[in-house]
């Protein structure tokens, strides 16, 4: 009998051991990542950071890009980040909200911010990364940069105060201000303009001045940029431009494009948008594929942002042929070329963007814009063809690692719904939900859309005027 009892206790012990091991594994997983705490607003974070002599890290999530959020979660759960972040930062995850940052200077700037924000305990912004990545090494790099900048924040604040209070600023002082401010990615466009106005008129031909202006990445609309570009032959500007390091040139051009596009949209300046389109084409030189792709993409974003559907349709209809009728073989060749260029680079992390994936995404984006902009059945039917082609490219050429094509399926379903083909729309939305689940992502939002389709309660967008 004794032996019998002992034998019966064995499974119980095994079960206990199993749950203990499971508990330890779960505990280790939780403890091996960045420690995020819950805060209702920014003030409690500042107080805790000041008390513990730490900096502040806020991961701000998107309202409309679930995949972006998932990339960030994947990276920030990596054990590589645990020691660095937990020792130096008070960390929190938030949804973009003006209420959270009410105590921060220029809090409106963070209302719709997505990405990573780093502050000192006084609430001064050290670093802002407006993106997400699946590389934990990038978040280590950002943390190191924030820590480095925290030691020079007082110098920045001091010179910012002096600049504001000084009525007559010498060129030497302005250049010092620009130099320090640039270390913190501060906007110095106004300071460059101040500096440029104090120079003799013939400075527009001075190579060192031209290089200084080019290095700032000024929007195309600024006085200094326009004067330099109009006064000098393009070959002379190109000669000076090519003396700048390639990686720096790429960053400068990205800044020029982003700032100019933002100004054009804010002021609804079509001429500036057209200037930027030409600038983008020139940036890519003989690479007609990229020049055409990115210049047209920018123009579409401009016209959509200012709700000019007429011009949006003109650009989209002219461009759609080159997007639709490139063969899978050609797309695959372009992808291979991009991969080879990436492999030959000197970057530590070699990553490249597949041309095929960008083509598929752009076709889908244009189709979705048609869903938003028009109720014309002929236009909606054309958009359905574009999404079908996007699905083909995605599955046959792009081939994402998780095989996620739910965004394309969702667009297709919504187009059908707007064309009153409700049963077929529901069928395609079910496919979108299933694809999302199979890819390992949260399908909650798509399930809500499916329920609305089933109940005929989707609020259709009004046509743009």
Foldseek 3Di string as FASTA:
>chain_A
DVVVVVVVCVVVVVVVVVVVVVVVVVVCLQQLFADADDDPACLVQLVVCVVLVAKEKEAEAAPPDQVQVVLQVLLRSHSVCNVLDVNHYHYHYYYQDLRRYVVAVVSVVRNRAHGMWIGGSVRHTQDHDRGGHNHNVVVVVVSVSSVVSVVCVVVLVVLVVVVVPDPDDDLVSLVVNVVVCVSRVHQCLVSLLVNVVPDPPVCLVPLVNLLVVLLNLAACPDPSNVSSPVVDDPVSSVVSLVVDDPVSNVVSPVSRLVVQLVVCLVVVPVVSLVVSLVVLLVVVPPPNVRSLVVSLVSVLVSCVSNLPVVVNCVSCVVCVVVLQPDDLVNQQVQQVVQQVVQVPDPDPDRDGDRPLLVSLVVLQVSLLVCQQADLDLVSLVVSLSSLVSSLCSCVPHVPDPLSQPLSSLLSNLSSCVSVVVLVVSLVSLVVSLVSCVSSVHDSVVSVVVSVCSVVVNDDGHDHGD
